[in-house]
Amino acid sequence: MEWSQDGRILASASDDVQVILWDPLLHRKIHAIQTGHQGNIFSVKFLPQSGDSVLLTGAGDCRIRVHDVNLKETTHICSCHTGRVKRLATAPDVPYMFWSAAEDGTVIIHLRILYDPIGNDNTTWQAELEKGNPK
């Protein structure tokens, strides 16, 4: 689950591969987003400073999907992991970057220019972390 930046919307995601946006004050569902994932959704995040209009999901199908809440559609799909995507993370003051961690043992930093009108290629940086003691 994830709260919107303004605290008025709660996003929930689960095994049914949907994200449901809730209005907790009125105790009602706002709408459901059909994510297109083929496996359980383990993490959902609003992209900071997007006006709560961009939602990220990570799932058991090893993919990350970027969704436009207003259009109710998937805008980007990242097939960058070989294991289930277990966690997504964002930083409140960095609207163009997020992190993903998966069961393949990698943490990936994603730099995204989501709505670049000139078709800028998205850049992905990958950092692999290994277990063990530093020497």
Foldseek 3Di string as FASTA:
>chain_A
DEADPVRQWDWDFWFVQKIWIDGVVVGDTPDIANQPDPGIWQEKYQQAPPNSQWMWTFGQSQKIWIAGNVVSGTQDIDNPGPGGWHYKAYDNVQRQWIWIDGPSQWIKIWGHPRPDPVPDDTDIGTDGDDDDDDD
